[in-house]
C-alpha atoms as a PDB file:
ATOM      1  CA  MET A   1     108.248  89.323 123.294  1.00  0.00           C
ATOM      2  CA  PRO A   2     109.782  86.999 125.854  1.00  0.00           C
ATOM      3  CA  GLU A   3     107.994  86.926 128.900  1.00  0.00           C
ATOM      4  CA  VAL A   4     109.953  88.152 132.412  1.00  0.00           C
ATOM      5  CA  THR A   5     109.481  86.016 135.142  1.00  0.00           C
ATOM      6  CA  LEU A   6     110.717  86.047 138.895  1.00  0.00           C
ATOM      7  CA  ASP A   7     113.885  84.307 137.602  1.00  0.00           C
ATOM      8  CA  ASP A   8     114.708  87.389 135.802  1.00  0.00           C
ATOM      9  CA  GLU A   9     114.817  89.497 139.008  1.00  0.00           C
ATOM     10  CA  ARG A  10     117.828  91.468 138.007  1.00  0.00           C
ATOM     11  CA  ILE A  11     116.217  92.477 134.782  1.00  0.00           C
ATOM     12  CA  ILE A  12     112.920  93.661 137.023  1.00  0.00           C
ATOM     13  CA  GLU A  13     115.033  95.369 139.490  1.00  0.00           C
ATOM     14  CA  ASP A  14     116.953  97.250 136.479  1.00  0.00           C
ATOM     15  CA  ALA A  15     113.459  98.130 134.854  1.00  0.00           C
ATOM     16  CA  ALA A  16     112.332  99.491 138.485  1.00  0.00           C
ATOM     17  CA  PHE A  17     115.592 101.528 138.594  1.00  0.00           C
ATOM     18  CA  TRP A  18     114.978 103.043 134.942  1.00  0.00           C
ATOM     19  CA  SER A  19     111.346 103.767 135.307  1.00  0.00           C
ATOM     20  CA  GLN A  20     111.929 105.629 138.304  1.00  0.00           C
ATOM     21  CA  ARG A  21     114.625 107.863 136.330  1.00  0.00           C
ATOM     22  CA  LEU A  22     112.136 108.063 133.621  1.00  0.00           C
ATOM     23  CA  LYS A  23     109.789 109.883 136.115  1.00  0.00           C
ATOM     24  CA  GLY A  24     112.348 112.033 137.016  1.00  0.00           C
ATOM     25  CA  ALA A  25     113.956 110.879 140.057  1.00  0.00           C
ATOM     26  CA  GLY A  26     117.661 111.389 139.716  1.00  0.00           C
ATOM     27  CA  ASP A  27     119.942 112.040 137.008  1.00  0.00           C
ATOM     28  CA  PHE A  28     119.022 110.376 133.696  1.00  0.00           C
ATOM     29  CA  ASP A  29     121.781 109.075 131.453  1.00  0.00           C
ATOM     30  CA  GLN A  30     119.604 108.809 127.918  1.00  0.00           C
ATOM     31  CA  THR A  31     122.891 106.845 126.445  1.00  0.00           C
ATOM     32  CA  ALA A  32     123.435 104.087 129.230  1.00  0.00           C
ATOM     33  CA  PHE A  33     119.447 104.113 129.052  1.00  0.00           C
ATOM     34  CA  ASP A  34     119.414 103.266 125.471  1.00  0.00           C
ATOM     35  CA  GLN A  35     122.426 100.808 125.884  1.00  0.00           C
ATOM     36  CA  TRP A  36     120.332  99.046 128.465  1.00  0.00           C
ATOM     37  CA  LEU A  37     117.212  99.028 126.530  1.00  0.00           C
ATOM     38  CA  ALA A  38     119.184  97.391 123.391  1.00  0.00           C
ATOM     39  CA  ALA A  39     121.278  94.911 125.236  1.00  0.00           C
ATOM     40  CA  ASP A  40     118.173  92.474 125.634  1.00  0.00           C
ATOM     41  CA  GLU A  41     114.396  92.122 124.132  1.00  0.00           C
ATOM     42  CA  ARG A  42     113.382  91.201 127.700  1.00  0.00           C
ATOM     43  CA  HIS A  43     114.176  94.937 129.070  1.00  0.00           C
ATOM     44  CA  ALA A  44     111.244  96.453 127.097  1.00  0.00           C
ATOM     45  CA  GLU A  45     108.721  93.903 128.210  1.00  0.00           C
ATOM     46  CA  ALA A  46     110.363  94.381 131.889  1.00  0.00           C
ATOM     47  CA  LEU A  47     110.062  98.462 131.916  1.00  0.00           C
ATOM     48  CA  MET A  48     106.140  97.706 130.608  1.00  0.00           C
ATOM     49  CA  GLN A  49     105.678  95.452 133.488  1.00  0.00           C
ATOM     50  CA  VAL A  50     107.096  97.560 136.165  1.00  0.00           C
ATOM     51  CA  ASP A  51     105.344 100.709 134.889  1.00  0.00           C
ATOM     52  CA  THR A  52     101.655  98.750 135.548  1.00  0.00           C
ATOM     53  CA  ALA A  53     102.913  97.526 138.871  1.00  0.00           C
ATOM     54  CA  ASN A  54     103.671 100.886 139.606  1.00  0.00           C
ATOM     55  CA  ALA A  55     100.149 102.194 138.941  1.00  0.00           C
ATOM     56  CA  TYR A  56      98.815  98.998 140.751  1.00  0.00           C
ATOM     57  CA  VAL A  57     100.833  99.941 143.909  1.00  0.00           C
ATOM     58  CA  GLU A  58      99.835 103.571 143.984  1.00  0.00           C
ATOM     59  CA  GLU A  59      96.585 102.420 144.054  1.00  0.00           C
ATOM     60  CA  ASN A  60      96.692 100.134 146.640  1.00  0.00           C
ATOM     61  CA  LEU A  61      99.216 101.370 148.930  1.00  0.00           C
ATOM     62  CA  ASN A  62      97.706  99.494 152.399  1.00  0.00           C
ATOM     63  CA  ALA A  63      97.297  96.384 151.011  1.00  0.00           C
ATOM     64  CA  PRO A  64      98.712  93.613 153.163  1.00  0.00           C
ATOM     65  CA  GLU A  65     100.836  91.876 150.500  1.00  0.00           C
ATOM     66  CA  LEU A  66     102.511  95.383 149.560  1.00  0.00           C
ATOM     67  CA  LEU A  67     103.117  96.423 152.620  1.00  0.00           C
ATOM     68  CA  LEU A  68     105.186  93.252 153.012  1.00  0.00           C
ATOM     69  CA  MET A  69     106.562  94.434 149.213  1.00  0.00           C
ATOM     70  CA  ARG A  70     107.558  97.650 150.524  1.00  0.00           C
ATOM     71  CA  SER A  71     109.443  96.562 153.547  1.00  0.00           C
ATOM     72  CA  GLU A  72     111.458  93.831 151.539  1.00  0.00           C
ATOM     73  CA  ALA A  73     112.368  96.564 148.945  1.00  0.00           C
ATOM     74  CA  LEU A  74     113.549  98.695 151.593  1.00  0.00           C
ATOM     75  CA  GLN A  75     115.828  95.856 153.301  1.00  0.00           C
ATOM     76  CA  ARG A  76     117.178  95.016 149.646  1.00  0.00           C
ATOM     77  CA  ALA A  77     118.031  98.622 149.066  1.00  0.00           C
ATOM     78  CA  HIS A  78     119.816  99.020 152.689  1.00  0.00           C
ATOM     79  CA  ARG A  79     121.527  95.847 152.294  1.00  0.00           C
ATOM     80  CA  ALA A  80     122.956  96.959 148.663  1.00  0.00           C
ATOM     81  CA  GLY A  81     123.983 100.100 150.131  1.00  0.00           C
ATOM     82  CA  ALA A  82     121.372 101.909 148.258  1.00  0.00           C
ATOM     83  CA  SER A  83     124.073 103.639 145.893  1.00  0.00           C
ATOM     84  CA  ARG A  84     121.765 102.316 142.551  1.00  0.00           C
ATOM     85  CA  TRP A  85     118.608 104.102 144.321  1.00  0.00           C
ATOM     86  CA  ARG A  86     119.909 106.854 146.126  1.00  0.00           C
ATOM     87  CA  THR A  87     119.326 110.520 144.246  1.00  0.00           C
ATOM     88  CA  GLY A  88     122.281 113.173 144.221  1.00  0.00           C
ATOM     89  CA  GLY A  89     123.501 111.636 147.309  1.00  0.00           C
ATOM     90  CA  GLU A  90     120.114 111.961 149.085  1.00  0.00           C
ATOM     91  CA  ALA A  91     118.771 109.258 151.402  1.00  0.00           C
ATOM     92  CA  LEU A  92     115.975 106.846 150.150  1.00  0.00           C
ATOM     93  CA  THR A  93     112.905 108.684 148.851  1.00  0.00           C
ATOM     94  CA  ARG A  94     109.017 107.376 149.593  1.00  0.00           C
ATOM     95  CA  ARG A  95     109.307 107.286 145.491  1.00  0.00           C
ATOM     96  CA  VAL A  96     112.179 105.029 145.452  1.00  0.00           C
ATOM     97  CA  ILE A  97     110.594 102.530 147.898  1.00  0.00           C
ATOM     98  CA  LEU A  98     107.439 102.410 145.988  1.00  0.00           C
ATOM     99  CA  SER A  99     109.462 101.580 142.620  1.00  0.00           C
ATOM    100  CA  GLY A 100     111.052  98.877 144.458  1.00  0.00           C
ATOM    101  CA  ALA A 101     107.904  97.602 145.658  1.00  0.00           C
ATOM    102  CA  ALA A 102     106.631  98.036 142.111  1.00  0.00           C
ATOM    103  CA  ALA A 103     109.650  95.543 141.071  1.00  0.00           C
ATOM    104  CA  SER A 104     108.375  92.847 143.779  1.00  0.00           C
ATOM    105  CA  VAL A 105     104.880  93.052 142.505  1.00  0.00           C
ATOM    106  CA  ALA A 106     106.369  92.836 138.627  1.00  0.00           C
ATOM    107  CA  ALA A 107     108.208  89.803 139.225  1.00  0.00           C
ATOM    108  CA  ALA A 108     105.442  88.068 141.166  1.00  0.00           C
ATOM    109  CA  VAL A 109     103.084  88.616 138.492  1.00  0.00           C
ATOM    110  CA  GLY A 110     105.549  87.275 135.820  1.00  0.00           C
ATOM    111  CA  ALA A 111     106.079  84.347 138.077  1.00  0.00           C
ATOM    112  CA  GLY A 112     102.396  83.722 138.585  1.00  0.00           C
ATOM    113  CA  PHE A 113     101.878  84.220 142.151  1.00  0.00           C
ATOM    114  CA  LEU A 114     100.044  87.810 141.830  1.00  0.00           C
ATOM    115  CA  PHE A 115      97.301  88.907 139.565  1.00  0.00           C
ATOM    116  CA  TRP A 116      95.431  91.852 139.529  1.00  0.00           C
ATOM    117  CA  ARG A 117      92.645  93.754 137.563  1.00  0.00           C
ATOM    118  CA  PRO A 118      91.879  97.381 137.387  1.00  0.00           C
ATOM    119  CA  THR A 119      89.673  98.585 140.554  1.00  0.00           C
ATOM    120  CA  THR A 120      86.100  99.920 140.346  1.00  0.00           C
ATOM    121  CA  SER A 121      84.992 102.554 142.488  1.00  0.00           C
ATOM    122  CA  TYR A 122      80.893 102.957 143.490  1.00  0.00           C
ATOM    123  CA  ALA A 123      79.338 105.826 145.433  1.00  0.00           C
ATOM    124  CA  THR A 124      76.186 107.159 146.651  1.00  0.00           C
ATOM    125  CA  GLY A 125      75.120 110.646 147.110  1.00  0.00           C
ATOM    126  CA  VAL A 126      72.922 112.041 150.028  1.00  0.00           C
ATOM    127  CA  GLY A 127      69.917 109.888 149.793  1.00  0.00           C
ATOM    128  CA  GLU A 128      70.579 107.705 147.189  1.00  0.00           C
ATOM    129  CA  GLN A 129      71.083 104.057 147.453  1.00  0.00           C
ATOM    130  CA  ARG A 130      72.327 101.481 144.734  1.00  0.00           C
ATOM    131  CA  THR A 131      72.873  97.812 144.016  1.00  0.00           C
ATOM    132  CA  VAL A 132      75.544  96.327 142.171  1.00  0.00           C
ATOM    133  CA  THR A 133      75.763  93.053 140.841  1.00  0.00           C
ATOM    134  CA  LEU A 134      79.707  91.980 140.696  1.00  0.00           C
ATOM    135  CA  ALA A 135      81.232  89.778 137.858  1.00  0.00           C
ATOM    136  CA  ASP A 136      81.005  86.589 140.239  1.00  0.00           C
ATOM    137  CA  ASN A 137      77.149  87.390 140.676  1.00  0.00           C
ATOM    138  CA  SER A 138      77.900  88.710 144.282  1.00  0.00           C
ATOM    139  CA  ARG A 139      75.649  91.718 144.985  1.00  0.00           C
ATOM    140  CA  VAL A 140      76.293  94.581 146.830  1.00  0.00           C
ATOM    141  CA  PHE A 141      73.707  97.044 148.399  1.00  0.00           C
ATOM    142  CA  LEU A 142      75.555 100.240 148.759  1.00  0.00           C
ATOM    143  CA  ASP A 143      73.343 102.734 151.201  1.00  0.00           C
ATOM    144  CA  ALA A 144      73.539 106.548 150.921  1.00  0.00           C
ATOM    145  CA  ASN A 145      76.424 108.883 151.484  1.00  0.00           C
ATOM    146  CA  SER A 146      78.608 105.563 150.836  1.00  0.00           C
ATOM    147  CA  HIS A 147      81.869 104.529 149.078  1.00  0.00           C
ATOM    148  CA  LEU A 148      83.658 101.641 148.048  1.00  0.00           C
ATOM    149  CA  ARG A 149      86.095 100.193 145.366  1.00  0.00           C
ATOM    150  CA  ILE A 150      86.210  96.560 143.854  1.00  0.00           C
ATOM    151  CA  ALA A 151      88.767  94.595 142.667  1.00  0.00           C
ATOM    152  CA  MET A 152      88.319  91.070 141.454  1.00  0.00           C
ATOM    153  CA  SER A 153      91.407  88.855 140.027  1.00  0.00           C
ATOM    154  CA  ASP A 154      91.811  85.301 139.576  1.00  0.00           C
ATOM    155  CA  GLU A 155      92.962  84.990 142.855  1.00  0.00           C
ATOM    156  CA  ALA A 156      90.379  87.010 144.972  1.00  0.00           C
ATOM    157  CA  ARG A 157      87.727  89.165 145.367  1.00  0.00           C
ATOM    158  CA  ARG A 158      88.559  92.383 147.270  1.00  0.00           C
ATOM    159  CA  ILE A 159      86.243  95.152 148.218  1.00  0.00           C
ATOM    160  CA  ASP A 160      87.418  98.119 149.970  1.00  0.00           C
ATOM    161  CA  LEU A 161      84.490  99.942 151.848  1.00  0.00           C
ATOM    162  CA  LEU A 162      86.265 103.762 152.405  1.00  0.00           C
ATOM    163  CA  SER A 163      83.138 105.254 154.178  1.00  0.00           C
ATOM    164  CA  GLY A 164      79.654 104.743 154.751  1.00  0.00           C
ATOM    165  CA  ARG A 165      77.678 101.317 154.839  1.00  0.00           C
ATOM    166  CA  ALA A 166      76.826  98.123 152.315  1.00  0.00           C
ATOM    167  CA  HIS A 167      75.427  95.127 152.502  1.00  0.00           C
ATOM    168  CA  PHE A 168      77.455  91.842 151.106  1.00  0.00           C
ATOM    169  CA  GLU A 169      75.517  88.568 149.236  1.00  0.00           C
ATOM    170  CA  VAL A 170      78.349  86.706 148.391  1.00  0.00           C
ATOM    171  CA  ALA A 171      78.527  84.034 145.777  1.00  0.00           C
ATOM    172  CA  LYS A 172      80.267  81.086 147.061  1.00  0.00           C
ATOM    173  CA  ASP A 173      83.634  80.552 145.481  1.00  0.00           C
ATOM    174  CA  PRO A 174      85.880  78.492 147.740  1.00  0.00           C
ATOM    175  CA  THR A 175      89.083  79.192 145.548  1.00  0.00           C
ATOM    176  CA  ARG A 176      88.386  82.750 146.064  1.00  0.00           C
ATOM    177  CA  PRO A 177      88.305  84.159 149.318  1.00  0.00           C
ATOM    178  CA  PHE A 178      85.780  87.452 149.505  1.00  0.00           C
ATOM    179  CA  SER A 179      87.234  90.093 151.759  1.00  0.00           C
ATOM    180  CA  VAL A 180      85.888  93.616 152.558  1.00  0.00           C
ATOM    181  CA  HIS A 181      88.628  96.009 154.258  1.00  0.00           C
ATOM    182  CA  ALA A 182      86.940  98.881 156.065  1.00  0.00           C
ATOM    183  CA  ASP A 183      90.084 100.766 158.066  1.00  0.00           C
ATOM    184  CA  ASP A 184      92.240  98.152 159.075  1.00  0.00           C
ATOM    185  CA  LYS A 185      89.423  95.457 159.647  1.00  0.00           C
ATOM    186  CA  ILE A 186      88.955  92.607 157.091  1.00  0.00           C
ATOM    187  CA  VAL A 187      85.901  90.562 157.140  1.00  0.00           C
ATOM    188  CA  THR A 188      86.358  87.308 155.172  1.00  0.00           C
ATOM    189  CA  ALA A 189      83.655  84.984 153.569  1.00  0.00           C
ATOM    190  CA  VAL A 190      83.051  82.486 151.396  1.00  0.00           C
ATOM    191  CA  GLY A 191      79.514  82.161 150.653  1.00  0.00           C
ATOM    192  CA  THR A 192      77.577  84.406 152.899  1.00  0.00           C
ATOM    193  CA  ALA A 193      75.584  87.601 153.642  1.00  0.00           C
ATOM    194  CA  PHE A 194      76.632  90.777 156.250  1.00  0.00           C
ATOM    195  CA  THR A 195      76.614  93.900 156.638  1.00  0.00           C
ATOM    196  CA  VAL A 196      79.994  96.530 157.247  1.00  0.00           C
ATOM    197  CA  GLU A 197      79.271  99.904 158.452  1.00  0.00           C
ATOM    198  CA  TYR A 198      82.231 102.409 158.505  1.00  0.00           C
ATOM    199  CA  ARG A 199      82.222 105.568 160.084  1.00  0.00           C
ATOM    200  CA  GLN A 200      84.032 107.895 162.673  1.00  0.00           C
ATOM    201  CA  GLN A 201      86.774 105.096 163.402  1.00  0.00           C
ATOM    202  CA  LYS A 202      84.085 102.610 164.316  1.00  0.00           C
ATOM    203  CA  VAL A 203      83.534  99.523 162.359  1.00  0.00           C
ATOM    204  CA  ALA A 204      80.503  97.328 162.696  1.00  0.00           C
ATOM    205  CA  VAL A 205      79.901  94.157 160.949  1.00  0.00           C
ATOM    206  CA  THR A 206      76.319  92.305 161.022  1.00  0.00           C
ATOM    207  CA  LEU A 207      76.286  88.448 160.133  1.00  0.00           C
ATOM    208  CA  ILE A 208      72.854  87.898 158.288  1.00  0.00           C
ATOM    209  CA  GLU A 209      73.854  84.030 157.421  1.00  0.00           C
ATOM    210  CA  GLY A 210      76.684  81.980 157.020  1.00  0.00           C
ATOM    211  CA  ARG A 211      80.205  82.367 158.223  1.00  0.00           C
ATOM    212  CA  ILE A 212      82.722  85.121 158.261  1.00  0.00           C
ATOM    213  CA  LEU A 213      86.389  85.566 159.931  1.00  0.00           C
ATOM    214  CA  VAL A 214      87.195  89.062 161.358  1.00  0.00           C
ATOM    215  CA  LYS A 215      90.837  90.289 161.409  1.00  0.00           C
ATOM    216  CA  GLU A 216      92.740  93.295 162.211  1.00  0.00           C
ATOM    217  CA  GLN A 217      95.423  94.405 160.052  1.00  0.00           C
ATOM    218  CA  SER A 218      98.155  96.720 161.211  1.00  0.00           C
ATOM    219  CA  ALA A 219     100.643  98.466 159.404  1.00  0.00           C
ATOM    220  CA  GLY A 220     103.998  95.990 158.804  1.00  0.00           C
ATOM    221  CA  ARG A 221     102.214  93.326 161.254  1.00  0.00           C
ATOM    222  CA  SER A 222     100.704  89.993 160.496  1.00  0.00           C
ATOM    223  CA  ALA A 223      96.612  90.049 160.484  1.00  0.00           C
ATOM    224  CA  LYS A 224      95.383  89.678 163.885  1.00  0.00           C
ATOM    225  CA  VAL A 225      91.962  87.398 164.120  1.00  0.00           C
ATOM    226  CA  LEU A 226      89.499  89.189 165.940  1.00  0.00           C
ATOM    227  CA  THR A 227      87.048  86.438 165.580  1.00  0.00           C
ATOM    228  CA  ALA A 228      86.303  83.336 163.661  1.00  0.00           C
ATOM    229  CA  ASP A 229      82.739  82.185 165.474  1.00  0.00           C
ATOM    230  CA  ILE A 230      80.413  85.361 165.061  1.00  0.00           C
ATOM    231  CA  LYS A 231      77.373  83.457 164.535  1.00  0.00           C
ATOM    232  CA  PRO A 232      74.089  84.806 162.406  1.00  0.00           C
ATOM    233  CA  SER A 233      71.632  87.680 163.869  1.00  0.00           C
ATOM    234  CA  GLN A 234      75.155  88.971 165.880  1.00  0.00           C
ATOM    235  CA  GLN A 235      77.135  92.121 165.437  1.00  0.00           C
ATOM    236  CA  LEU A 236      80.697  92.835 165.715  1.00  0.00           C
ATOM    237  CA  VAL A 237      81.487  96.560 167.022  1.00  0.00           C
ATOM    238  CA  MET A 238      85.003  97.521 166.866  1.00  0.00           C
ATOM    239  CA  VAL A 239      85.998 101.313 167.839  1.00  0.00           C
ATOM    240  CA  ALA A 240      89.739 102.486 166.809  1.00  0.00           C
ATOM    241  CA  GLY A 241      91.654 102.614 170.169  1.00  0.00           C
ATOM    242  CA  ALA A 242      89.630 100.077 172.324  1.00  0.00           C
ATOM    243  CA  ASP A 243      91.255  96.793 173.513  1.00  0.00           C
ATOM    244  CA  THR A 244      88.502  94.325 172.273  1.00  0.00           C
ATOM    245  CA  PRO A 245      85.733  94.597 169.708  1.00  0.00           C
ATOM    246  CA  GLU A 246      82.138  94.049 171.345  1.00  0.00           C
ATOM    247  CA  LEU A 247      80.000  91.289 170.504  1.00  0.00           C
ATOM    248  CA  VAL A 248      76.105  92.523 170.582  1.00  0.00           C
ATOM    249  CA  ASP A 249      74.219  89.154 170.465  1.00  0.00           C
ATOM    250  CA  LYS A 250      70.423  88.210 169.185  1.00  0.00           C
ATOM    251  CA  VAL A 251      70.343  91.447 166.751  1.00  0.00           C
ATOM    252  CA  ASP A 252      66.903  92.159 165.061  1.00  0.00           C
ATOM    253  CA  ILE A 253      68.095  91.842 161.347  1.00  0.00           C
ATOM    254  CA  GLN A 254      64.641  92.907 160.263  1.00  0.00           C
ATOM    255  CA  ARG A 255      65.162  96.228 161.881  1.00  0.00           C
ATOM    256  CA  THR A 256      68.635  96.276 161.292  1.00  0.00           C
ATOM    257  CA  MET A 257      68.482  96.106 157.628  1.00  0.00           C
ATOM    258  CA  GLY A 258      65.398  98.622 157.601  1.00  0.00           C
ATOM    259  CA  TRP A 259      67.938 101.268 155.961  1.00  0.00           C
ATOM    260  CA  ARG A 260      67.310  99.232 152.579  1.00  0.00           C
ATOM    261  CA  ASP A 261      63.560  99.944 152.644  1.00  0.00           C
ATOM    262  CA  GLY A 262      64.278 103.496 154.211  1.00  0.00           C
ATOM    263  CA  THR A 263      63.633 103.010 157.518  1.00  0.00           C
ATOM    264  CA  LEU A 264      66.082 104.056 160.118  1.00  0.00           C
ATOM    265  CA  ASN A 265      66.315 102.016 163.417  1.00  0.00           C
ATOM    266  CA  PHE A 266      68.468 103.185 166.640  1.00  0.00           C
ATOM    267  CA  ASP A 267      68.523 101.433 169.682  1.00  0.00           C
ATOM    268  CA  ASP A 268      70.224 103.382 172.668  1.00  0.00           C
ATOM    269  CA  GLU A 269      72.435 105.178 170.207  1.00  0.00           C
ATOM    270  CA  ARG A 270      74.192 108.587 171.085  1.00  0.00           C
ATOM    271  CA  LEU A 271      72.520 111.353 169.431  1.00  0.00           C
ATOM    272  CA  ASP A 272      75.327 112.635 167.474  1.00  0.00           C
ATOM    273  CA  GLU A 273      75.845 109.469 166.022  1.00  0.00           C
ATOM    274  CA  VAL A 274      71.890 109.070 165.243  1.00  0.00           C
ATOM    275  CA  ALA A 275      71.920 112.599 163.513  1.00  0.00           C
ATOM    276  CA  GLY A 276      75.198 111.491 161.360  1.00  0.00           C
ATOM    277  CA  ARG A 277      72.941 108.875 160.124  1.00  0.00           C
ATOM    278  CA  MET A 278      69.986 111.142 159.297  1.00  0.00           C
ATOM    279  CA  ASN A 279      72.207 113.537 157.669  1.00  0.00           C
ATOM    280  CA  ASP A 280      73.247 110.779 155.075  1.00  0.00           C
ATOM    281  CA  TYR A 281      69.524 110.880 153.549  1.00  0.00           C
ATOM    282  CA  SER A 282      68.821 114.771 153.623  1.00  0.00           C
ATOM    283  CA  LYS A 283      70.196 118.045 152.599  1.00  0.00           C
ATOM    284  CA  THR A 284      69.102 119.871 155.712  1.00  0.00           C
ATOM    285  CA  ARG A 285      72.238 119.046 157.872  1.00  0.00           C
ATOM    286  CA  ILE A 286      71.481 118.131 161.609  1.00  0.00           C
ATOM    287  CA  VAL A 287      74.646 119.480 163.716  1.00  0.00           C
ATOM    288  CA  VAL A 288      74.862 118.468 167.316  1.00  0.00           C
ATOM    289  CA  ASP A 289      76.409 120.962 169.931  1.00  0.00           C
ATOM    290  CA  GLY A 290      77.773 120.697 173.236  1.00  0.00           C
ATOM    291  CA  ALA A 291      78.426 117.236 175.368  1.00  0.00           C
ATOM    292  CA  ALA A 292      75.382 117.370 177.072  1.00  0.00           C
ATOM    293  CA  ALA A 293      73.501 117.081 174.082  1.00  0.00           C
ATOM    294  CA  LYS A 294      75.813 114.578 171.762  1.00  0.00           C
ATOM    295  CA  GLY A 295      75.664 112.008 174.917  1.00  0.00           C
ATOM    296  CA  LEU A 296      71.653 111.317 174.770  1.00  0.00           C
ATOM    297  CA  ARG A 297      70.537 107.969 174.265  1.00  0.00           C
ATOM    298  CA  ILE A 298      68.135 107.669 171.158  1.00  0.00           C
ATOM    299  CA  SER A 299      66.157 104.893 170.700  1.00  0.00           C
ATOM    300  CA  GLY A 300      63.554 104.681 167.748  1.00  0.00           C
ATOM    301  CA  THR A 301      62.305 104.623 164.130  1.00  0.00           C
ATOM    302  CA  PHE A 302      62.385 107.087 161.702  1.00  0.00           C
ATOM    303  CA  ARG A 303      62.005 107.506 157.965  1.00  0.00           C
ATOM    304  CA  ALA A 304      65.180 108.419 156.205  1.00  0.00           C
ATOM    305  CA  GLY A 305      65.003 112.161 155.022  1.00  0.00           C
ATOM    306  CA  GLU A 306      61.882 113.296 157.127  1.00  0.00           C
ATOM    307  CA  THR A 307      64.691 115.373 158.853  1.00  0.00           C
ATOM    308  CA  GLY A 308      62.070 118.003 160.407  1.00  0.00           C
ATOM    309  CA  ALA A 309      59.780 114.802 161.761  1.00  0.00           C
ATOM    310  CA  PHE A 310      63.311 113.534 163.511  1.00  0.00           C
ATOM    311  CA  VAL A 311      64.094 116.944 164.774  1.00  0.00           C
ATOM    312  CA  GLU A 312      60.350 117.196 166.066  1.00  0.00           C
ATOM    313  CA  ALA A 313      60.251 113.862 167.799  1.00  0.00           C
ATOM    314  CA  ILE A 314      63.964 114.672 169.546  1.00  0.00           C
ATOM    315  CA  GLU A 315      62.721 118.106 170.526  1.00  0.00           C
ATOM    316  CA  SER A 316      59.619 116.300 171.971  1.00  0.00           C
ATOM    317  CA  TYR A 317      61.302 113.826 174.354  1.00  0.00           C
ATOM    318  CA  TYR A 318      64.626 114.892 175.279  1.00  0.00           C
ATOM    319  CA  PRO A 319      65.651 117.811 176.841  1.00  0.00           C
ATOM    320  CA  VAL A 320      67.009 119.654 173.936  1.00  0.00           C
ATOM    321  CA  HIS A 321      65.594 122.481 171.542  1.00  0.00           C
ATOM    322  CA  ALA A 322      66.554 123.132 167.896  1.00  0.00           C
ATOM    323  CA  GLU A 323      67.698 126.199 165.843  1.00  0.00           C
ATOM    324  CA  THR A 324      67.217 126.317 162.134  1.00  0.00           C
ATOM    325  CA  ASP A 325      70.023 128.382 160.014  1.00  0.00           C
ATOM    326  CA  GLY A 326      69.447 128.019 156.683  1.00  0.00           C
ATOM    327  CA  ASP A 327      70.043 124.284 155.828  1.00  0.00           C
ATOM    328  CA  THR A 328      71.487 123.371 159.013  1.00  0.00           C
ATOM    329  CA  VAL A 329      69.386 122.420 162.171  1.00  0.00           C
ATOM    330  CA  ILE A 330      71.330 122.848 165.079  1.00  0.00           C
ATOM    331  CA  ILE A 331      70.284 120.651 168.420  1.00  0.00           C
ATOM    332  CA  ARG A 332      71.494 121.786 171.694  1.00  0.00           C
ATOM    333  CA  ALA A 333      70.399 120.894 175.337  1.00  0.00           C
ATOM    334  CA  ARG A 334      67.949 122.789 177.129  1.00  0.00           C
ATOM    335  CA  THR A 335      69.696 125.123 179.462  1.00  0.00           C
END
């Protein structure tokens, strides 16, 4: 079957139009569809290409290249009066815009400008850790109660950290950037080692060795570089809504990486954040109630999963008391 390329833009757009009609968006004319399909043998190939691209678009809605393609698809539809894409006189729908973006993806694939592979997801439960070796021999160490998605292509290596914490040891490959996406932050490396933690609208990146570039990608805008000169043993902390990231100098790497051996180290951190990390390793859940208790600053070293010992230590050294209700421990400030 002949290949469909970027030069066949009209064919790709027609295929995207019929793809959405076949999925139930708007009136479907079987006779017209059959005539279009029979008119050129490239049409069937284009339809399969668009259907595959649709799945990719749905899986990667917030990828920077797709944000641009969706914007361009919307602009093309408006310039054309959107007459072909309207459904019964209604305004453009989300499905229509995604279908237009899929047409752009399919055309780019045909031209060799964009490649994709099926994504693979990995998740760990409470108290579970996992090591994953990628196809390029990079290694990912996934902490407890964490979730990430991996997409490897001929052009790039992409990780989406959806929640939790992961450490990355990146195999050198200058032709394929290795990027980790957490919320709207992007960490890019070639051959290096670093850790990314994403929780409660805060992203923390700790560089172990090598070099990384940290960017912020807002919807519909070009990525903004946050730092290009972070050094090993430094940590960049980015909180949603904050004007600038915080750079923590001279991080104790051995203490910071202690989680891989079951040791959790905290240095002047809020009690509610510390409790959240402890909860990743035990089915007994700690709840910190009240602003006074939540804001207490905690420093110390604790064993992952040993919730009882942690609560006992907190009660001993801080003005709080704990109550147990089934599998939940509630910590409140003493009154």
